[in-house]
Amino acid sequence: MAYTQAHLDALQAALAKGEKRVSLGDKTVEYRSVEELTAAIEAVKRDLFQQAVATGLWPNAPRQIRLTTSKGC
């Protein structure tokens, strides 16, 4: 499943409020514990990072472009 920033925001808001029930749109999920909710947040963060790397929004390594010029010769 491809997660979105809205999924992450909903999970983090539930954790901040101390709730174990998360609703997004017409779907509701109730987690058994705070640890399970925290694990879900980490899984969504990991998936969002992998999506960003795959689309090139988060490059693996910084790139450098060097230009050199000369005046004749």
PDB file of N, CA and C in Angstrom:
ATOM      1  N   MET A   1       0.842  -1.171   0.000  1.00  0.00           N
ATOM      2  CA  MET A   1       0.000   0.000   0.000  1.00  0.00           C
ATOM      3  C   MET A   1       0.888   1.236   0.000  1.00  0.00           C
ATOM      4  N   ALA A   2       0.539   2.190  -0.796  1.00  0.00           N
ATOM      5  CA  ALA A   2       1.285   3.444  -0.839  1.00  0.00           C
ATOM      6  C   ALA A   2       0.686   4.408   0.185  1.00  0.00           C
ATOM      7  N   TYR A   3       1.479   4.757   1.142  1.00  0.00           N
ATOM      8  CA  TYR A   3       1.026   5.683   2.181  1.00  0.00           C
ATOM      9  C   TYR A   3       1.227   7.118   1.721  1.00  0.00           C
ATOM     10  N   THR A   4       0.478   8.022   2.348  1.00  0.00           N
ATOM     11  CA  THR A   4       0.609   9.441   2.056  1.00  0.00           C
ATOM     12  C   THR A   4       0.949  10.181   3.348  1.00  0.00           C
ATOM     13  N   GLN A   5       1.258  11.452   3.204  1.00  0.00           N
ATOM     14  CA  GLN A   5       1.546  12.282   4.365  1.00  0.00           C
ATOM     15  C   GLN A   5       0.324  12.369   5.279  1.00  0.00           C
ATOM     16  N   ALA A   6      -0.879  12.278   4.709  1.00  0.00           N
ATOM     17  CA  ALA A   6      -2.104  12.317   5.512  1.00  0.00           C
ATOM     18  C   ALA A   6      -2.178  11.120   6.455  1.00  0.00           C
ATOM     19  N   HIS A   7      -1.722   9.949   5.996  1.00  0.00           N
ATOM     20  CA  HIS A   7      -1.687   8.774   6.860  1.00  0.00           C
ATOM     21  C   HIS A   7      -0.764   9.018   8.059  1.00  0.00           C
ATOM     22  N   LEU A   8       0.412   9.543   7.769  1.00  0.00           N
ATOM     23  CA  LEU A   8       1.381   9.806   8.829  1.00  0.00           C
ATOM     24  C   LEU A   8       0.848  10.843   9.805  1.00  0.00           C
ATOM     25  N   ASP A   9       0.246  11.906   9.288  1.00  0.00           N
ATOM     26  CA  ASP A   9      -0.299  12.953  10.155  1.00  0.00           C
ATOM     27  C   ASP A   9      -1.391  12.409  11.066  1.00  0.00           C
ATOM     28  N   ALA A  10      -2.265  11.555  10.533  1.00  0.00           N
ATOM     29  CA  ALA A  10      -3.345  10.980  11.338  1.00  0.00           C
ATOM     30  C   ALA A  10      -2.787  10.096  12.450  1.00  0.00           C
ATOM     31  N   LEU A  11      -1.780   9.295  12.131  1.00  0.00           N
ATOM     32  CA  LEU A  11      -1.174   8.421  13.142  1.00  0.00           C
ATOM     33  C   LEU A  11      -0.480   9.235  14.230  1.00  0.00           C
ATOM     34  N   GLN A  12       0.266  10.249  13.827  1.00  0.00           N
ATOM     35  CA  GLN A  12       0.973  11.071  14.810  1.00  0.00           C
ATOM     36  C   GLN A  12       0.007  11.874  15.675  1.00  0.00           C
ATOM     37  N   ALA A  13      -1.096  12.332  15.097  1.00  0.00           N
ATOM     38  CA  ALA A  13      -2.092  13.065  15.881  1.00  0.00           C
ATOM     39  C   ALA A  13      -2.737  12.160  16.918  1.00  0.00           C
ATOM     40  N   ALA A  14      -3.026  10.927  16.540  1.00  0.00           N
ATOM     41  CA  ALA A  14      -3.609   9.976  17.491  1.00  0.00           C
ATOM     42  C   ALA A  14      -2.631   9.680  18.623  1.00  0.00           C
ATOM     43  N   LEU A  15      -1.365   9.522  18.290  1.00  0.00           N
ATOM     44  CA  LEU A  15      -0.354   9.262  19.315  1.00  0.00           C
ATOM     45  C   LEU A  15      -0.227  10.457  20.254  1.00  0.00           C
ATOM     46  N   ALA A  16      -0.258  11.657  19.712  1.00  0.00           N
ATOM     47  CA  ALA A  16      -0.130  12.864  20.533  1.00  0.00           C
ATOM     48  C   ALA A  16      -1.318  13.018  21.487  1.00  0.00           C
ATOM     49  N   LYS A  17      -2.492  12.586  21.054  1.00  0.00           N
ATOM     50  CA  LYS A  17      -3.691  12.683  21.895  1.00  0.00           C
ATOM     51  C   LYS A  17      -3.827  11.512  22.869  1.00  0.00           C
ATOM     52  N   GLY A  18      -3.002  10.493  22.693  1.00  0.00           N
ATOM     53  CA  GLY A  18      -3.077   9.324  23.555  1.00  0.00           C
ATOM     54  C   GLY A  18      -4.159   8.349  23.126  1.00  0.00           C
ATOM     55  N   GLU A  19      -4.630   8.473  21.900  1.00  0.00           N
ATOM     56  CA  GLU A  19      -5.667   7.591  21.385  1.00  0.00           C
ATOM     57  C   GLU A  19      -5.041   6.400  20.675  1.00  0.00           C
ATOM     58  N   LYS A  20      -5.793   5.321  20.597  1.00  0.00           N
ATOM     59  CA  LYS A  20      -5.333   4.152  19.865  1.00  0.00           C
ATOM     60  C   LYS A  20      -6.191   3.904  18.637  1.00  0.00           C
ATOM     61  N   ARG A  21      -7.162   4.764  18.405  1.00  0.00           N
ATOM     62  CA  ARG A  21      -8.043   4.642  17.244  1.00  0.00           C
ATOM     63  C   ARG A  21      -7.705   5.752  16.252  1.00  0.00           C
ATOM     64  N   VAL A  22      -7.488   5.352  15.003  1.00  0.00           N
ATOM     65  CA  VAL A  22      -7.104   6.297  13.956  1.00  0.00           C
ATOM     66  C   VAL A  22      -8.126   6.207  12.834  1.00  0.00           C
ATOM     67  N   SER A  23      -8.656   7.364  12.436  1.00  0.00           N
ATOM     68  CA  SER A  23      -9.613   7.419  11.331  1.00  0.00           C
ATOM     69  C   SER A  23      -9.042   8.288  10.223  1.00  0.00           C
ATOM     70  N   LEU A  24      -9.186   7.796   9.007  1.00  0.00           N
ATOM     71  CA  LEU A  24      -8.764   8.561   7.840  1.00  0.00           C
ATOM     72  C   LEU A  24      -9.787   8.284   6.752  1.00  0.00           C
ATOM     73  N   GLY A  25     -10.550   9.292   6.412  1.00  0.00           N
ATOM     74  CA  GLY A  25     -11.620   9.101   5.437  1.00  0.00           C
ATOM     75  C   GLY A  25     -12.718   8.247   6.048  1.00  0.00           C
ATOM     76  N   ASP A  26     -13.079   7.182   5.363  1.00  0.00           N
ATOM     77  CA  ASP A  26     -14.140   6.304   5.857  1.00  0.00           C
ATOM     78  C   ASP A  26     -13.589   5.060   6.556  1.00  0.00           C
ATOM     79  N   LYS A  27     -12.294   5.000   6.758  1.00  0.00           N
ATOM     80  CA  LYS A  27     -11.675   3.828   7.394  1.00  0.00           C
ATOM     81  C   LYS A  27     -11.189   4.164   8.797  1.00  0.00           C
ATOM     82  N   THR A  28     -11.363   3.223   9.707  1.00  0.00           N
ATOM     83  CA  THR A  28     -10.927   3.380  11.089  1.00  0.00           C
ATOM     84  C   THR A  28     -10.144   2.146  11.504  1.00  0.00           C
ATOM     85  N   VAL A  29      -9.020   2.371  12.168  1.00  0.00           N
ATOM     86  CA  VAL A  29      -8.197   1.284  12.676  1.00  0.00           C
ATOM     87  C   VAL A  29      -7.969   1.526  14.158  1.00  0.00           C
ATOM     88  N   GLU A  30      -8.139   0.479  14.966  1.00  0.00           N
ATOM     89  CA  GLU A  30      -7.863   0.593  16.391  1.00  0.00           C
ATOM     90  C   GLU A  30      -6.667  -0.298  16.718  1.00  0.00           C
ATOM     91  N   TYR A  31      -5.622   0.313  17.253  1.00  0.00           N
ATOM     92  CA  TYR A  31      -4.404  -0.408  17.603  1.00  0.00           C
ATOM     93  C   TYR A  31      -4.520  -0.942  19.019  1.00  0.00           C
ATOM     94  N   ARG A  32      -3.867  -2.055  19.288  1.00  0.00           N
ATOM     95  CA  ARG A  32      -3.967  -2.688  20.604  1.00  0.00           C
ATOM     96  C   ARG A  32      -3.142  -1.985  21.661  1.00  0.00           C
ATOM     97  N   SER A  33      -2.052  -1.353  21.237  1.00  0.00           N
ATOM     98  CA  SER A  33      -1.181  -0.705  22.216  1.00  0.00           C
ATOM     99  C   SER A  33      -0.496   0.495  21.572  1.00  0.00           C
ATOM    100  N   VAL A  34       0.114   1.301  22.421  1.00  0.00           N
ATOM    101  CA  VAL A  34       0.864   2.457  21.934  1.00  0.00           C
ATOM    102  C   VAL A  34       2.085   1.980  21.152  1.00  0.00           C
ATOM    103  N   GLU A  35       2.665   0.875  21.569  1.00  0.00           N
ATOM    104  CA  GLU A  35       3.822   0.334  20.861  1.00  0.00           C
ATOM    105  C   GLU A  35       3.456  -0.071  19.432  1.00  0.00           C
ATOM    106  N   GLU A  36       2.267  -0.649  19.272  1.00  0.00           N
ATOM    107  CA  GLU A  36       1.819  -1.038  17.937  1.00  0.00           C
ATOM    108  C   GLU A  36       1.574   0.208  17.073  1.00  0.00           C
ATOM    109  N   LEU A  37       1.027   1.261  17.674  1.00  0.00           N
ATOM    110  CA  LEU A  37       0.820   2.521  16.963  1.00  0.00           C
ATOM    111  C   LEU A  37       2.149   3.143  16.565  1.00  0.00           C
ATOM    112  N   THR A  38       3.115   3.106  17.455  1.00  0.00           N
ATOM    113  CA  THR A  38       4.447   3.635  17.161  1.00  0.00           C
ATOM    114  C   THR A  38       5.109   2.838  16.034  1.00  0.00           C
ATOM    115  N   ALA A  39       4.927   1.524  16.041  1.00  0.00           N
ATOM    116  CA  ALA A  39       5.481   0.689  14.972  1.00  0.00           C
ATOM    117  C   ALA A  39       4.824   1.031  13.633  1.00  0.00           C
ATOM    118  N   ALA A  40       3.526   1.326  13.650  1.00  0.00           N
ATOM    119  CA  ALA A  40       2.832   1.715  12.417  1.00  0.00           C
ATOM    120  C   ALA A  40       3.367   3.046  11.894  1.00  0.00           C
ATOM    121  N   ILE A  41       3.642   3.979  12.794  1.00  0.00           N
ATOM    122  CA  ILE A  41       4.205   5.270  12.388  1.00  0.00           C
ATOM    123  C   ILE A  41       5.562   5.071  11.732  1.00  0.00           C
ATOM    124  N   GLU A  42       6.394   4.240  12.319  1.00  0.00           N
ATOM    125  CA  GLU A  42       7.719   3.973  11.740  1.00  0.00           C
ATOM    126  C   GLU A  42       7.607   3.296  10.379  1.00  0.00           C
ATOM    127  N   ALA A  43       6.641   2.385  10.223  1.00  0.00           N
ATOM    128  CA  ALA A  43       6.452   1.706   8.946  1.00  0.00           C
ATOM    129  C   ALA A  43       6.015   2.702   7.872  1.00  0.00           C
ATOM    130  N   VAL A  44       5.130   3.626   8.226  1.00  0.00           N
ATOM    131  CA  VAL A  44       4.683   4.632   7.265  1.00  0.00           C
ATOM    132  C   VAL A  44       5.830   5.573   6.903  1.00  0.00           C
ATOM    133  N   LYS A  45       6.626   5.981   7.898  1.00  0.00           N
ATOM    134  CA  LYS A  45       7.781   6.844   7.615  1.00  0.00           C
ATOM    135  C   LYS A  45       8.758   6.148   6.673  1.00  0.00           C
ATOM    136  N   ARG A  46       9.010   4.869   6.923  1.00  0.00           N
ATOM    137  CA  ARG A  46       9.930   4.101   6.083  1.00  0.00           C
ATOM    138  C   ARG A  46       9.402   4.012   4.649  1.00  0.00           C
ATOM    139  N   ASP A  47       8.093   3.769   4.508  1.00  0.00           N
ATOM    140  CA  ASP A  47       7.506   3.677   3.180  1.00  0.00           C
ATOM    141  C   ASP A  47       7.545   5.021   2.461  1.00  0.00           C
ATOM    142  N   LEU A  48       7.258   6.103   3.166  1.00  0.00           N
ATOM    143  CA  LEU A  48       7.317   7.431   2.552  1.00  0.00           C
ATOM    144  C   LEU A  48       8.733   7.764   2.100  1.00  0.00           C
ATOM    145  N   PHE A  49       9.726   7.370   2.888  1.00  0.00           N
ATOM    146  CA  PHE A  49      11.118   7.600   2.510  1.00  0.00           C
ATOM    147  C   PHE A  49      11.468   6.804   1.253  1.00  0.00           C
ATOM    148  N   GLN A  50      11.024   5.546   1.211  1.00  0.00           N
ATOM    149  CA  GLN A  50      11.310   4.714   0.039  1.00  0.00           C
ATOM    150  C   GLN A  50      10.627   5.271  -1.209  1.00  0.00           C
ATOM    151  N   GLN A  51       9.421   5.810  -1.055  1.00  0.00           N
ATOM    152  CA  GLN A  51       8.735   6.440  -2.184  1.00  0.00           C
ATOM    153  C   GLN A  51       9.513   7.664  -2.670  1.00  0.00           C
ATOM    154  N   ALA A  52      10.014   8.453  -1.721  1.00  0.00           N
ATOM    155  CA  ALA A  52      10.761   9.660  -2.084  1.00  0.00           C
ATOM    156  C   ALA A  52      12.054   9.302  -2.816  1.00  0.00           C
ATOM    157  N   VAL A  53      12.733   8.261  -2.366  1.00  0.00           N
ATOM    158  CA  VAL A  53      13.970   7.834  -3.042  1.00  0.00           C
ATOM    159  C   VAL A  53      13.652   7.309  -4.436  1.00  0.00           C
ATOM    160  N   ALA A  54      12.578   6.538  -4.559  1.00  0.00           N
ATOM    161  CA  ALA A  54      12.219   5.949  -5.848  1.00  0.00           C
ATOM    162  C   ALA A  54      11.833   7.010  -6.875  1.00  0.00           C
ATOM    163  N   THR A  55      11.222   8.090  -6.426  1.00  0.00           N
ATOM    164  CA  THR A  55      10.796   9.136  -7.357  1.00  0.00           C
ATOM    165  C   THR A  55      11.858  10.205  -7.559  1.00  0.00           C
ATOM    166  N   GLY A  56      12.953  10.124  -6.821  1.00  0.00           N
ATOM    167  CA  GLY A  56      14.027  11.087  -6.983  1.00  0.00           C
ATOM    168  C   GLY A  56      13.865  12.333  -6.136  1.00  0.00           C
ATOM    169  N   LEU A  57      12.853  12.373  -5.272  1.00  0.00           N
ATOM    170  CA  LEU A  57      12.667  13.534  -4.411  1.00  0.00           C
ATOM    171  C   LEU A  57      13.703  13.574  -3.295  1.00  0.00           C
ATOM    172  N   TRP A  58      14.251  12.431  -2.947  1.00  0.00           N
ATOM    173  CA  TRP A  58      15.269  12.346  -1.912  1.00  0.00           C
ATOM    174  C   TRP A  58      16.449  11.603  -2.530  1.00  0.00           C
ATOM    175  N   PRO A  59      17.419  12.324  -3.026  1.00  0.00           N
ATOM    176  CA  PRO A  59      18.532  11.651  -3.706  1.00  0.00           C
ATOM    177  C   PRO A  59      19.381  10.855  -2.722  1.00  0.00           C
ATOM    178  N   ASN A  60      19.966   9.775  -3.215  1.00  0.00           N
ATOM    179  CA  ASN A  60      20.818   8.934  -2.369  1.00  0.00           C
ATOM    180  C   ASN A  60      22.108   9.643  -1.978  1.00  0.00           C
ATOM    181  N   ALA A  61      22.666  10.377  -2.895  1.00  0.00           N
ATOM    182  CA  ALA A  61      23.911  11.083  -2.609  1.00  0.00           C
ATOM    183  C   ALA A  61      23.841  12.468  -3.243  1.00  0.00           C
ATOM    184  N   PRO A  62      24.458  13.438  -2.625  1.00  0.00           N
ATOM    185  CA  PRO A  62      24.466  14.762  -3.233  1.00  0.00           C
ATOM    186  C   PRO A  62      25.225  14.740  -4.554  1.00  0.00           C
ATOM    187  N   ARG A  63      24.759  15.517  -5.482  1.00  0.00           N
ATOM    188  CA  ARG A  63      25.408  15.585  -6.783  1.00  0.00           C
ATOM    189  C   ARG A  63      26.062  16.938  -6.944  1.00  0.00           C
ATOM    190  N   GLN A  64      27.157  16.945  -7.666  1.00  0.00           N
ATOM    191  CA  GLN A  64      27.857  18.193  -7.944  1.00  0.00           C
ATOM    192  C   GLN A  64      28.011  18.345  -9.447  1.00  0.00           C
ATOM    193  N   ILE A  65      27.817  19.540  -9.894  1.00  0.00           N
ATOM    194  CA  ILE A  65      28.058  19.862 -11.299  1.00  0.00           C
ATOM    195  C   ILE A  65      29.137  20.931 -11.314  1.00  0.00           C
ATOM    196  N   ARG A  66      30.219  20.631 -11.980  1.00  0.00           N
ATOM    197  CA  ARG A  66      31.331  21.583 -12.047  1.00  0.00           C
ATOM    198  C   ARG A  66      31.483  22.063 -13.479  1.00  0.00           C
ATOM    199  N   LEU A  67      31.529  23.338 -13.629  1.00  0.00           N
ATOM    200  CA  LEU A  67      31.709  23.945 -14.939  1.00  0.00           C
ATOM    201  C   LEU A  67      33.082  24.599 -15.007  1.00  0.00           C
ATOM    202  N   THR A  68      33.741  24.383 -16.095  1.00  0.00           N
ATOM    203  CA  THR A  68      35.017  25.064 -16.327  1.00  0.00           C
ATOM    204  C   THR A  68      34.931  25.768 -17.660  1.00  0.00           C
ATOM    205  N   THR A  69      35.542  26.911 -17.727  1.00  0.00           N
ATOM    206  CA  THR A  69      35.557  27.675 -18.966  1.00  0.00           C
ATOM    207  C   THR A  69      36.966  28.154 -19.227  1.00  0.00           C
ATOM    208  N   SER A  70      37.211  28.430 -20.462  1.00  0.00           N
ATOM    209  CA  SER A  70      38.503  29.026 -20.828  1.00  0.00           C
ATOM    210  C   SER A  70      38.258  30.040 -21.931  1.00  0.00           C
ATOM    211  N   LYS A  71      39.189  30.904 -22.091  1.00  0.00           N
ATOM    212  CA  LYS A  71      39.053  31.979 -23.067  1.00  0.00           C
ATOM    213  C   LYS A  71      40.002  31.705 -24.237  1.00  0.00           C
ATOM    214  N   GLY A  72      39.586  30.837 -25.130  1.00  0.00           N
ATOM    215  CA  GLY A  72      40.405  30.547 -26.297  1.00  0.00           C
ATOM    216  C   GLY A  72      41.498  29.516 -26.024  1.00  0.00           C
ATOM    217  N   CYS A  73      42.571  29.564 -26.809  1.00  0.00           N
ATOM    218  CA  CYS A  73      43.732  28.681 -26.752  1.00  0.00           C
ATOM    219  C   CYS A  73      43.374  27.285 -27.037  1.00  0.00           C
TER     220      CYS A  73
END
